[in-house]
């Protein structure tokens, strides 16, 4: 490669040089080869050659015939930058890249709007300049997280924001947002980017007709990271009516089902980072209908999103002022409230766990460990992170296990509600049994006070379980009594109606038979034909009236 860089001035030499760079690219992808890039001086040669055009005083080792804008030299430059990006994952290579005097500055030069007349910017065609800018942004997305302080010292943050503000081309905007996505959460970058970046992201998110889906979703991701645990940025978003924009994206539509990463998922993450814990934004979320939107999304979204949604709702409900909005929500499909929704999700999670267990048996011919068979640490991990039941229990805890005034639970739902309320107690008892079992397997006998404590704990758990079963039986008895009462009311009503009929029959028993029959018939006709009580009588009256009028005329 050095020979071709020094002496390869012919077109054939440049083509061969680029083919060598392709081979080096394959080597850079192998982790075992990356250390050799530093020790052999290959990385230094790549960095120097790729940034020689941007250097104020090119080094004598770089020949002028490789600094042209022809296709071969431009592809060489891009290949070298790409190789540097690949080997940056190695710590020693990254240190050499960060310490190079020109390379990072050369990448920023193509993004700095103040240097648009620099010789390195004017050398390439418009198409080449755009390709180079996109590649510089992609490389910075990899390098900046490894040298954040150096990037800030080089004013890279402000250069990046100015470049994003001035660009209207979709590919460049998308590349800028990728860099911001990788850097927004770095220490000090939230303050450095600040409210200006939040306002820019809101502008991209608001103009749906001007920006495609990918741009808007990336902007929402960047804004979410900028506001995470950063009250000043959260306040800026709230003052610019950004909370209402978040609510507009909390809808599970038909388009969302076809996307790998739905917009509503990104919006929920943004609500968590921007709204949760910020009282003013929580009030705006409630006024904009965000609580209702989150609950409707919880009902319709796929399973993996429910983990994030329930956690977000539980944290929002730490603000007790929002409870009223939660209780006021009703499902569009079932016309029921939040507690029946949570109980339905509880059943869905139980069915999902059973189905996955059956699939494991069918595919691997192995049964999953049940909770009582798990070790203590595995059980804790499963209950905390691998089970939606725990998050649903947390959501009900935030609701203080209050059913609400408008919802009426069936006996089955009420029993399930009681079991849900004692969910953590059951898991705690299972954990203590697993811990005691592990001690016995390891041959460890607790000292007498600890042993008595364990026995007392197991005895209390057994008593609590018996009390729980008794409470469930009481629910069944209450249901039986309720059904018996309803049946008694029904039969009483039937008896009253029959008694009323018999009373009516007695009242008309003294009337002559023909009159009594006429009353019954007329009553029946009045019910069937209200306008025509007796059509025959009406016809007779008409004939009589006609006859009387004819007689008077004759007289």
Protein backbone atom coordinates (compact mmCIF):
# COMPACT_ATOMS: atom_id res chain seq x y z
CA UNK A 1 0.00 0.00 0.00
CA UNK A 2 2.82 2.44 0.82
CA UNK A 3 4.45 1.74 -2.53
CA UNK A 4 1.21 2.46 -4.36
CA UNK A 5 0.64 5.63 -2.33
CA UNK A 6 4.12 6.92 -3.16
CA UNK A 7 4.64 5.73 -6.72
CA UNK A 8 1.21 4.75 -8.05
CA UNK A 9 0.35 7.75 -10.17
CA UNK A 10 -1.10 5.85 -13.12
CA UNK A 11 -4.77 4.96 -13.37
CA UNK A 12 -3.94 1.26 -13.22
CA UNK A 13 -1.92 1.84 -10.05
CA UNK A 14 -4.81 3.72 -8.44
CA UNK A 15 -7.25 0.93 -9.28
CA UNK A 16 -4.87 -1.62 -7.75
CA UNK A 17 -4.46 0.60 -4.68
CA UNK A 18 -8.23 0.70 -4.17
CA UNK A 19 -8.42 -3.09 -4.48
CA UNK A 20 -5.79 -3.36 -1.74
CA UNK A 21 -7.93 -1.07 0.40
CA UNK A 22 -10.88 -3.42 -0.13
CA UNK A 23 -8.75 -6.26 1.20
CA UNK A 24 -7.74 -4.12 4.19
CA UNK A 25 -11.45 -3.41 4.82
CA UNK A 26 -12.08 -7.14 5.18
CA UNK A 27 -9.19 -7.34 7.66
CA UNK A 28 -10.56 -4.37 9.64
CA UNK A 29 -13.81 -6.24 10.16
CA UNK A 30 -11.92 -8.98 12.04
CA UNK A 31 -11.39 -8.08 15.66
CA UNK A 32 -8.16 -10.08 15.94
CA UNK A 33 -6.48 -7.98 13.24
CA UNK A 34 -7.25 -4.53 14.61
CA UNK A 35 -4.35 -4.30 17.03
CA UNK A 36 -1.93 -4.81 14.13
CA UNK A 37 -3.25 -1.68 12.44
CA UNK A 38 -1.58 0.39 15.17
CA UNK A 39 1.61 -1.61 15.58
CA UNK A 40 2.41 -1.70 11.84
CA UNK A 41 1.72 2.00 11.24
CA UNK A 42 -1.06 1.18 8.78
CA UNK A 43 -3.67 3.18 10.66
CA UNK A 44 -1.41 6.23 10.80
CA UNK A 45 -0.92 6.07 7.03
CA UNK A 46 -4.66 5.78 6.45
CA UNK A 47 -5.48 8.72 8.72
CA UNK A 48 -2.82 10.95 7.21
CA UNK A 49 -3.68 10.15 3.60
CA UNK A 50 -7.45 10.51 4.05
CA UNK A 51 -7.15 13.93 5.71
CA UNK A 52 -4.30 15.37 3.65
CA UNK A 53 -6.61 17.49 1.49
CA UNK A 54 -8.10 19.19 4.55
CA UNK A 55 -4.73 19.76 6.26
CA UNK A 56 -3.42 23.30 6.07
CA UNK A 57 0.13 22.04 5.38
CA UNK A 58 0.08 18.55 3.75
CA UNK A 59 2.85 16.26 4.92
CA UNK A 60 5.69 15.54 2.59
CA UNK A 61 4.95 11.82 2.58
CA UNK A 62 1.60 12.39 0.83
CA UNK A 63 1.98 12.82 -2.89
CA UNK A 64 -0.12 15.34 -4.75
CA UNK A 65 -1.33 12.83 -7.36
CA UNK A 66 -3.52 11.07 -4.75
CA UNK A 67 -5.22 14.32 -3.69
CA UNK A 68 -7.23 14.88 -6.86
CA UNK A 69 -11.01 14.72 -7.21
CA UNK A 70 -11.01 11.93 -9.76
CA UNK A 71 -13.20 8.92 -9.09
CA UNK A 72 -10.31 6.65 -8.03
CA UNK A 73 -8.87 9.12 -5.51
CA UNK A 74 -12.29 10.00 -4.11
CA UNK A 75 -13.09 6.31 -3.59
CA UNK A 76 -9.69 5.89 -1.91
CA UNK A 77 -10.51 8.67 0.53
CA UNK A 78 -13.89 7.16 1.39
CA UNK A 79 -12.41 3.67 1.80
CA UNK A 80 -9.76 4.96 4.21
CA UNK A 81 -12.32 6.81 6.32
CA UNK A 82 -14.46 3.68 6.43
CA UNK A 83 -11.51 1.55 7.60
CA UNK A 84 -10.76 4.04 10.38
CA UNK A 85 -14.40 3.80 11.49
CA UNK A 86 -14.25 -0.02 11.57
CA UNK A 87 -11.11 -0.25 13.69
CA UNK A 88 -12.31 2.45 16.12
CA UNK A 89 -13.95 -0.25 18.25
CA UNK A 90 -10.43 -1.27 19.36
CA UNK A 91 -9.24 0.85 22.29
CA UNK A 92 -5.69 1.37 21.01
CA UNK A 93 -6.91 2.29 17.53
CA UNK A 94 -9.42 4.75 18.97
CA UNK A 95 -6.71 6.38 21.02
CA UNK A 96 -4.59 6.85 17.91
CA UNK A 97 -7.54 8.30 15.97
CA UNK A 98 -8.32 10.77 18.76
CA UNK A 99 -4.68 11.86 19.01
CA UNK A 100 -4.27 12.42 15.27
CA UNK A 101 -3.85 16.16 14.68
CA UNK A 102 -6.00 16.44 11.54
CA UNK A 103 -8.44 13.54 11.10
CA UNK A 104 -11.34 14.62 13.37
CA UNK A 105 -10.97 18.23 12.28
CA UNK A 106 -11.10 17.09 8.65
CA UNK A 107 -14.43 15.37 9.27
CA UNK A 108 -15.87 18.50 10.90
CA UNK A 109 -14.54 20.73 8.13
CA UNK A 110 -17.01 19.24 5.66
CA UNK A 111 -19.87 20.06 8.04
CA UNK A 112 -18.85 23.54 9.13
CA UNK A 113 -20.97 26.09 7.26
CA UNK A 114 -18.40 28.77 8.01
CA UNK A 115 -15.80 26.94 5.88
CA UNK A 116 -17.92 26.31 2.80
CA UNK A 117 -15.30 28.11 0.69
CA UNK A 118 -12.38 26.04 1.94
CA UNK A 119 -10.23 24.47 -0.78
CA UNK A 120 -11.15 20.99 0.42
CA UNK A 121 -14.87 21.82 0.07
CA UNK A 122 -14.47 23.36 -3.38
CA UNK A 123 -12.39 20.50 -4.77
CA UNK A 124 -15.23 18.01 -5.10
CA UNK A 125 -18.41 18.08 -7.15
CA UNK A 126 -21.76 18.64 -5.49
CA UNK A 127 -22.59 14.93 -5.56
CA UNK A 128 -19.18 13.99 -4.13
CA UNK A 129 -19.51 16.63 -1.42
CA UNK A 130 -22.90 15.24 -0.34
CA UNK A 131 -21.59 11.67 -0.25
CA UNK A 132 -18.59 12.78 1.80
CA UNK A 133 -20.78 14.73 4.25
CA UNK A 134 -23.04 11.72 4.83
CA UNK A 135 -20.02 9.52 5.46
CA UNK A 136 -18.45 12.04 7.85
CA UNK A 137 -21.67 12.08 9.89
CA UNK A 138 -21.82 8.27 9.97
CA UNK A 139 -18.23 8.08 11.18
CA UNK A 140 -18.78 10.75 13.84
CA UNK A 141 -21.71 8.73 15.19
CA UNK A 142 -19.19 5.98 15.97
CA UNK A 143 -16.24 8.11 17.09
CA UNK A 144 -17.86 10.81 19.24
CA UNK A 145 -19.11 8.47 22.03
CA UNK A 146 -15.48 7.39 22.48
CA UNK A 147 -14.07 10.94 22.63
CA UNK A 148 -16.92 13.23 23.77
CA UNK A 149 -14.73 15.85 25.46
CA UNK A 150 -12.51 16.22 22.41
CA UNK A 151 -15.55 16.70 20.16
CA UNK A 152 -16.92 19.43 22.44
CA UNK A 153 -13.55 21.18 22.58
CA UNK A 154 -13.51 21.28 18.78
CA UNK A 155 -16.97 22.98 18.85
CA UNK A 156 -18.41 19.92 17.19
CA UNK A 157 -21.79 20.23 18.91
CA UNK A 158 -22.47 23.73 17.60
CA UNK A 159 -21.16 22.84 14.14
CA UNK A 160 -23.52 19.88 14.04
CA UNK A 161 -26.55 21.96 15.10
CA UNK A 162 -25.78 24.68 12.56
CA UNK A 163 -25.39 22.08 9.83
CA UNK A 164 -28.74 20.48 10.72
CA UNK A 165 -30.48 23.85 10.78
CA UNK A 166 -29.24 24.77 7.30
CA UNK A 167 -29.85 21.43 5.57
CA UNK A 168 -33.04 20.46 3.78
CA UNK A 169 -31.83 17.27 2.13
CA UNK A 170 -33.32 14.16 3.70
CA UNK A 171 -30.16 12.01 3.69
CA UNK A 172 -28.11 14.68 5.46
CA UNK A 173 -30.82 15.34 8.05
CA UNK A 174 -31.14 11.62 8.76
CA UNK A 175 -27.38 11.29 9.20
CA UNK A 176 -27.32 14.31 11.55
CA UNK A 177 -30.07 12.79 13.68
CA UNK A 178 -28.14 9.54 13.91
CA UNK A 179 -25.17 11.44 15.35
CA UNK A 180 -27.42 13.22 17.83
CA UNK A 181 -29.06 9.94 18.81
CA UNK A 182 -25.66 8.49 19.73
CA UNK A 183 -24.45 11.62 21.52
CA UNK A 184 -27.48 13.22 23.21
CA UNK A 185 -27.18 11.10 26.35
CA UNK A 186 -23.42 11.61 26.81
CA UNK A 187 -22.31 13.47 29.96
CA UNK A 188 -22.63 17.21 29.48
CA UNK A 189 -24.26 16.99 26.05
CA UNK A 190 -27.80 17.59 27.30
CA UNK A 191 -26.74 20.99 28.58
CA UNK A 192 -24.57 21.65 25.54
CA UNK A 193 -27.33 20.90 23.06
CA UNK A 194 -29.95 22.46 25.35
CA UNK A 195 -33.27 23.97 24.47
CA UNK A 196 -32.21 24.88 20.94
CA UNK A 197 -31.86 21.24 19.98
CA UNK A 198 -35.19 20.43 21.64
CA UNK A 199 -36.89 23.18 19.63
CA UNK A 200 -35.36 21.86 16.41
CA UNK A 201 -36.58 18.33 17.16
CA UNK A 202 -40.09 19.64 17.86
CA UNK A 203 -40.08 21.48 14.55
CA UNK A 204 -39.15 18.28 12.69
CA UNK A 205 -41.78 16.31 14.57
CA UNK A 206 -44.57 18.84 14.02
CA UNK A 207 -44.30 19.14 10.24
CA UNK A 208 -45.62 15.73 9.21
CA UNK A 209 -46.23 16.66 5.59
CA UNK A 210 -42.66 17.91 5.10
CA UNK A 211 -40.68 15.17 6.83
CA UNK A 212 -40.90 11.40 6.33
CA UNK A 213 -41.57 8.92 9.09
CA UNK A 214 -37.90 8.06 9.74
CA UNK A 215 -36.91 11.71 10.26
CA UNK A 216 -39.77 12.35 12.70
CA UNK A 217 -39.10 9.20 14.68
CA UNK A 218 -35.38 9.98 14.96
CA UNK A 219 -36.20 13.53 16.08
CA UNK A 220 -38.51 12.14 18.78
CA UNK A 221 -35.77 9.75 19.93
CA UNK A 222 -33.23 12.56 20.19
CA UNK A 223 -35.66 14.76 22.14
CA UNK A 224 -36.39 11.89 24.52
CA UNK A 225 -32.69 11.43 25.27
CA UNK A 226 -32.13 15.17 25.67
CA UNK A 227 -34.85 15.37 28.32
CA UNK A 228 -34.01 12.26 30.32
CA UNK A 229 -33.34 13.40 33.91
CA UNK A 230 -32.86 16.97 32.63
CA UNK A 231 -35.55 19.34 34.04
CA UNK A 232 -34.43 22.41 32.00
CA UNK A 233 -34.94 20.59 28.70
CA UNK A 234 -38.21 19.09 29.96
CA UNK A 235 -39.43 22.61 30.75
CA UNK A 236 -38.49 23.83 27.27
CA UNK A 237 -40.49 21.04 25.63
CA UNK A 238 -43.48 21.80 27.85
CA UNK A 239 -43.38 25.52 27.09
CA UNK A 240 -43.30 24.80 23.34
CA UNK A 241 -46.43 22.58 23.55
CA UNK A 242 -44.36 19.50 22.89
CA UNK A 243 -46.48 17.35 25.21
CA UNK A 244 -49.46 17.69 22.87
CA UNK A 245 -47.30 16.44 20.00
CA UNK A 246 -46.40 13.38 22.07
CA UNK A 247 -50.07 12.62 22.65
CA UNK A 248 -50.77 12.87 18.91
CA UNK A 249 -48.33 10.01 18.33
CA UNK A 250 -49.78 7.72 21.02
CA UNK A 251 -52.12 5.86 18.68
CA UNK A 252 -51.91 2.24 17.57
CA UNK A 253 -52.98 2.46 13.93
CA UNK A 254 -52.94 -0.03 11.07
CA UNK A 255 -49.65 1.42 9.84
CA UNK A 256 -48.03 0.81 13.23
CA UNK A 257 -48.59 -2.94 12.88
CA UNK A 258 -46.36 -3.09 9.79
CA UNK A 259 -43.41 -1.22 11.29
CA UNK A 260 -40.45 -2.89 12.94
CA UNK A 261 -40.21 -0.08 15.50
CA UNK A 262 -43.60 1.66 15.83
CA UNK A 263 -43.81 5.40 16.37
CA UNK A 264 -46.05 4.84 19.39
CA UNK A 265 -43.25 2.90 21.09
CA UNK A 266 -40.88 5.83 20.64
CA UNK A 267 -43.62 8.19 21.86
CA UNK A 268 -44.13 6.18 25.06
CA UNK A 269 -40.40 6.32 25.75
CA UNK A 270 -40.51 10.08 25.17
CA UNK A 271 -43.46 10.46 27.57
CA UNK A 272 -41.49 8.58 30.21
CA UNK A 273 -38.41 10.81 29.83
CA UNK A 274 -40.13 14.14 29.20
CA UNK A 275 -43.32 14.03 31.26
CA UNK A 276 -42.84 11.61 34.16
CA UNK A 277 -41.60 13.44 37.25
CA UNK A 278 -42.20 16.92 35.79
CA UNK A 279 -45.38 18.23 37.39
CA UNK A 280 -46.18 20.92 34.81
CA UNK A 281 -45.78 18.49 31.92
CA UNK A 282 -47.93 15.91 33.72
CA UNK A 283 -50.73 18.48 33.97
CA UNK A 284 -50.39 19.22 30.24
CA UNK A 285 -50.49 15.49 29.48
CA UNK A 286 -53.74 15.12 31.41
CA UNK A 287 -55.34 18.12 29.70
CA UNK A 288 -54.31 16.85 26.27
CA UNK A 289 -55.92 13.44 26.90
CA UNK A 290 -52.61 11.66 27.27
CA UNK A 291 -53.74 9.37 30.11
CA UNK A 292 -56.68 8.12 28.03
CA UNK A 293 -54.39 7.67 25.02
CA UNK A 294 -51.90 5.62 27.04
CA UNK A 295 -54.63 3.35 28.42
CA UNK A 296 -56.16 2.84 24.97
CA UNK A 297 -52.71 2.03 23.62
CA UNK A 298 -52.17 -0.45 26.47
CA UNK A 299 -55.29 -2.29 25.38
CA UNK A 300 -54.33 -2.53 21.69
CA UNK A 301 -50.52 -2.68 21.53
CA UNK A 302 -48.45 -5.89 21.17
CA UNK A 303 -47.10 -7.75 24.17
CA UNK A 304 -43.56 -6.33 24.30
CA UNK A 305 -44.86 -2.75 24.40
CA UNK A 306 -47.01 -3.52 27.44
CA UNK A 307 -43.89 -3.78 29.65
CA UNK A 308 -42.89 -0.21 28.82
CA UNK A 309 -46.45 1.11 28.96
CA UNK A 310 -47.31 -0.31 32.38
CA UNK A 311 -44.06 1.01 33.84
CA UNK A 312 -44.69 4.45 32.35
CA UNK A 313 -48.27 4.55 33.67
CA UNK A 314 -47.17 3.40 37.12
CA UNK A 315 -44.63 6.19 37.33
CA UNK A 316 -47.16 8.75 36.11
CA UNK A 317 -49.63 7.65 38.78
CA UNK A 318 -47.18 8.54 41.51
CA UNK A 319 -48.82 11.93 40.97
CA UNK A 320 -52.15 11.26 42.72
CA UNK A 321 -53.82 14.12 40.84
CA UNK A 322 -53.90 11.93 37.73
CA UNK A 323 -55.95 9.16 39.38
CA UNK A 324 -59.24 10.83 38.50
CA UNK A 325 -58.42 10.71 34.77
CA UNK A 326 -57.52 7.03 35.04
CA UNK A 327 -60.80 6.14 36.76
CA UNK A 328 -62.76 8.20 34.22
CA UNK A 329 -61.36 6.22 31.27
CA UNK A 330 -63.57 3.65 29.56
CA UNK A 331 -62.62 1.26 26.79
CA UNK A 332 -64.14 1.91 23.38
CA UNK A 333 -64.65 -1.79 22.75
CA UNK A 334 -65.78 -3.09 26.16
CA UNK A 335 -67.10 0.17 27.73
CA UNK A 336 -65.38 -0.80 30.98
CA UNK A 337 -62.73 0.86 33.11
CA UNK A 338 -59.06 0.38 33.92
CA UNK A 339 -59.36 -2.39 36.53
CA UNK A 340 -61.20 -4.81 34.18
CA UNK A 341 -58.57 -3.96 31.54
CA UNK A 342 -55.73 -4.87 33.90
CA UNK A 343 -57.46 -8.12 34.86
CA UNK A 344 -57.91 -8.99 31.18
CA UNK A 345 -54.21 -8.32 30.55
CA UNK A 346 -53.44 -10.53 33.54
CA UNK A 347 -55.29 -13.42 31.88
CA UNK A 348 -53.53 -12.76 28.57
CA UNK A 349 -50.14 -12.94 30.28
CA UNK A 350 -51.08 -16.21 31.98
CA UNK A 351 -52.17 -17.70 28.65
CA UNK A 352 -48.96 -16.49 26.99
CA UNK A 353 -46.79 -18.15 29.63
CA UNK A 354 -48.72 -21.42 29.25
CA UNK A 355 -48.40 -21.34 25.45
CA UNK A 356 -44.65 -20.68 25.61
CA UNK A 357 -44.24 -23.59 28.01
CA UNK A 358 -46.11 -25.89 25.61
CA UNK A 359 -43.97 -24.70 22.69
CA UNK A 360 -40.79 -25.42 24.66
CA UNK A 361 -42.00 -28.93 25.38
CA UNK A 362 -42.91 -29.53 21.73
CA UNK A 363 -39.69 -28.06 20.28
CA UNK A 364 -36.99 -28.93 22.83
CA UNK A 365 -38.76 -31.73 24.69
CA UNK A 366 -37.87 -29.95 27.93
CA UNK A 367 -40.19 -28.43 30.45
CA UNK A 368 -39.52 -24.98 31.83
CA UNK A 369 -38.69 -24.63 35.47
CA UNK A 370 -41.68 -23.66 37.52
CA UNK A 371 -41.35 -20.90 40.07
CA UNK A 372 -41.16 -23.30 43.02
CA UNK A 373 -38.30 -25.14 41.25
CA UNK A 374 -36.18 -22.06 40.54
CA UNK A 375 -33.18 -20.91 42.53
CA UNK A 376 -33.65 -17.71 44.48
CA UNK A 377 -31.67 -15.45 42.13
CA UNK A 378 -33.33 -16.88 39.03
CA UNK A 379 -36.73 -16.44 40.65
CA UNK A 380 -36.01 -12.78 41.47
CA UNK A 381 -34.92 -12.07 37.89
CA UNK A 382 -37.99 -13.81 36.50
CA UNK A 383 -40.44 -11.98 38.75
CA UNK A 384 -38.83 -8.57 38.31
CA UNK A 385 -38.04 -8.45 34.60
CA UNK A 386 -39.49 -11.47 32.80
CA UNK A 387 -43.08 -11.29 33.91
CA UNK A 388 -45.76 -8.76 33.06
CA UNK A 389 -47.74 -9.78 36.15
CA UNK A 390 -45.35 -7.86 38.40
CA UNK A 391 -45.80 -4.64 36.41
CA UNK A 392 -49.59 -5.03 36.35
CA UNK A 393 -49.52 -5.51 40.12
CA UNK A 394 -47.47 -2.31 40.43
CA UNK A 395 -50.07 -0.47 38.32
CA UNK A 396 -52.90 -1.70 40.54
CA UNK A 397 -50.87 -0.70 43.61
CA UNK A 398 -50.67 2.84 42.25
CA UNK A 399 -54.46 2.69 41.89
CA UNK A 400 -54.53 1.66 45.57
CA UNK A 401 -56.48 -1.46 44.52
CA UNK A 402 -59.59 0.66 44.17
CA UNK A 403 -62.07 -0.71 41.65
CA UNK A 404 -63.80 2.63 41.09
CA UNK A 405 -67.42 3.64 41.39
CA UNK A 406 -68.55 2.85 37.83
CA UNK A 407 -67.19 -0.68 37.40
CA UNK A 408 -68.86 -3.81 38.73
CA UNK A 409 -66.76 -6.96 38.77
CA UNK A 410 -68.14 -10.42 38.27
CA UNK A 411 -67.38 -13.10 40.84
CA UNK A 412 -64.60 -14.54 38.66
CA UNK A 413 -63.08 -11.08 38.20
CA UNK A 414 -63.41 -10.29 41.89
CA UNK A 415 -61.59 -13.51 42.84
CA UNK A 416 -58.88 -12.69 40.34
CA UNK A 417 -58.66 -9.19 41.77
CA UNK A 418 -58.09 -10.63 45.26
CA UNK A 419 -55.38 -12.97 43.96
CA UNK A 420 -53.73 -10.06 42.16
CA UNK A 421 -53.71 -8.04 45.35
CA UNK A 422 -51.81 -10.83 47.16
CA UNK A 423 -49.47 -11.52 44.21
CA UNK A 424 -46.28 -10.18 45.78
CA UNK A 425 -47.01 -11.92 49.07
CA UNK A 426 -47.17 -15.21 47.21
CA UNK A 427 -43.91 -14.55 45.38
CA UNK A 428 -42.24 -13.49 48.62
CA UNK A 429 -43.28 -16.76 50.27
CA UNK A 430 -41.98 -18.74 47.27
CA UNK A 431 -38.66 -16.90 47.48
CA UNK A 432 -38.26 -17.70 51.19
CA UNK A 433 -38.94 -21.38 50.50
CA UNK A 434 -36.39 -21.42 47.68
CA UNK A 435 -33.83 -19.76 49.95
CA UNK A 436 -34.44 -22.29 52.71
CA UNK A 437 -34.14 -25.14 50.21
CA UNK A 438 -30.78 -23.81 48.96
CA UNK A 439 -29.48 -23.66 52.52
CA UNK A 440 -30.47 -27.29 53.06
CA UNK A 441 -28.79 -28.40 49.80
CA UNK A 442 -25.58 -26.67 50.82
CA UNK A 443 -25.66 -28.32 54.24
CA UNK A 444 -26.07 -25.03 56.08
CA UNK A 445 -28.28 -25.02 59.17
CA UNK A 446 -29.30 -21.57 60.39
CA UNK A 447 -28.66 -20.70 64.00
CA UNK A 448 -31.57 -21.29 66.33
CA UNK A 449 -33.03 -17.73 66.25
CA UNK A 450 -32.85 -17.66 62.46
CA UNK A 451 -34.32 -21.15 62.24
CA UNK A 452 -37.23 -20.09 64.43
CA UNK A 453 -37.71 -16.99 62.29
CA UNK A 454 -37.92 -19.17 59.18
CA UNK A 455 -40.41 -21.49 60.83
CA UNK A 456 -42.53 -18.56 61.97
CA UNK A 457 -42.40 -17.14 58.47
CA UNK A 458 -43.51 -20.42 56.87
CA UNK A 459 -46.29 -20.77 59.42
CA UNK A 460 -47.50 -17.23 58.75
CA UNK A 461 -47.39 -17.86 54.99
CA UNK A 462 -49.46 -21.01 55.44
CA UNK A 463 -52.02 -19.15 57.53
CA UNK A 464 -52.21 -16.34 55.00
CA UNK A 465 -52.74 -18.84 52.21
CA UNK A 466 -55.57 -20.51 54.13
CA UNK A 467 -57.15 -17.13 54.82
CA UNK A 468 -56.90 -16.29 51.11
CA UNK A 469 -58.60 -19.55 50.14
CA UNK A 470 -61.34 -18.88 52.68
CA UNK A 471 -61.86 -15.43 51.19
CA UNK A 472 -62.23 -16.95 47.72
CA UNK A 473 -64.81 -19.41 49.07
CA UNK A 474 -66.68 -16.50 50.62
CA UNK A 475 -66.83 -14.90 47.18
CA UNK A 476 -68.47 -18.06 45.84
CA UNK A 477 -70.94 -18.06 48.72
CA UNK A 478 -71.74 -14.40 48.13
CA UNK A 479 -72.37 -15.17 44.47
CA UNK A 480 -74.70 -18.05 45.40
CA UNK A 481 -76.60 -15.84 47.82
CA UNK A 482 -76.85 -13.09 45.23
CA UNK A 483 -78.18 -15.49 42.59
CA UNK A 484 -80.65 -16.93 45.11
CA UNK A 485 -81.86 -13.43 45.94
CA UNK A 486 -82.31 -12.59 42.26
CA UNK A 487 -84.29 -15.79 41.70
CA UNK A 488 -86.46 -15.01 44.74
CA UNK A 489 -87.21 -11.55 43.38
CA UNK A 490 -88.08 -13.05 40.01
CA UNK A 491 -90.50 -15.58 41.49
CA UNK A 492 -92.05 -12.93 43.74
CA UNK A 493 -92.73 -10.76 40.71
CA UNK A 494 -94.31 -13.68 38.86
CA UNK A 495 -96.52 -14.46 41.87
CA UNK A 496 -97.59 -10.82 42.12
CA UNK A 497 -98.55 -10.74 38.45
CA UNK A 498 -100.58 -13.95 38.81
CA UNK A 499 -102.28 -12.60 41.92
CA UNK A 500 -103.18 -9.42 40.03
CA UNK A 501 -104.71 -11.47 37.21
CA UNK A 502 -106.77 -13.52 39.65
CA UNK A 503 -107.95 -10.35 41.38
CA UNK A 504 -109.10 -8.90 38.06
CA UNK A 505 -110.97 -12.12 37.27
CA UNK A 506 -112.79 -11.97 40.64
CA UNK A 507 -113.87 -8.38 40.10
CA UNK A 508 -115.60 -9.21 36.82
CA UNK A 509 -117.04 -12.56 37.97
CA UNK A 510 -120.39 -10.96 39.00
CA UNK A 511 -120.93 -9.35 35.59
CA UNK A 512 -123.03 -11.28 33.03
CA UNK A 513 -121.08 -13.63 30.83
CA UNK A 514 -121.63 -11.70 27.59
CA UNK A 515 -120.54 -8.42 29.17
CA UNK A 516 -117.52 -10.02 30.82
CA UNK A 517 -116.49 -11.58 27.51
CA UNK A 518 -116.93 -8.27 25.71
CA UNK A 519 -114.73 -6.48 28.26
CA UNK A 520 -111.95 -9.04 27.87
CA UNK A 521 -112.16 -8.95 24.05
CA UNK A 522 -112.21 -5.17 23.94
CA UNK A 523 -109.25 -5.02 26.30
CA UNK A 524 -107.31 -7.42 24.10
CA UNK A 525 -108.15 -5.44 20.94
CA UNK A 526 -107.17 -2.21 22.62
CA UNK A 527 -103.71 -3.66 23.20
CA UNK A 528 -103.36 -4.99 19.64
CA UNK A 529 -105.23 -2.25 17.72
CA UNK A 530 -105.10 0.95 19.80
CA UNK A 531 -106.69 3.15 17.07
CA UNK A 532 -109.48 0.63 16.35
CA UNK A 533 -111.16 -0.35 19.61
CA UNK A 534 -114.12 -2.02 17.83
CA UNK A 535 -114.20 -1.80 14.01
CA UNK A 536 -117.72 -3.40 13.78
CA UNK A 537 -119.26 -0.80 16.07
CA UNK A 538 -117.66 1.94 14.00
CA UNK A 539 -119.19 0.52 10.80
CA UNK A 540 -122.65 0.27 12.43
CA UNK A 541 -122.42 3.87 13.60
CA UNK A 542 -121.48 4.99 10.11
CA UNK A 543 -124.49 3.14 8.59
CA UNK A 544 -126.86 4.63 11.19
CA UNK A 545 -125.54 8.10 10.52
CA UNK A 546 -125.93 7.57 6.80
CA UNK A 547 -129.51 6.32 7.23
CA UNK A 548 -130.50 9.24 9.47
CA UNK A 549 -129.11 11.76 7.02
CA UNK A 550 -130.98 10.09 4.12
CA UNK A 551 -134.28 10.12 6.09
CA UNK A 552 -133.98 13.80 6.88
CA UNK A 553 -133.34 14.60 3.23
CA UNK A 554 -136.37 12.58 2.16
CA UNK A 555 -138.58 14.33 4.69
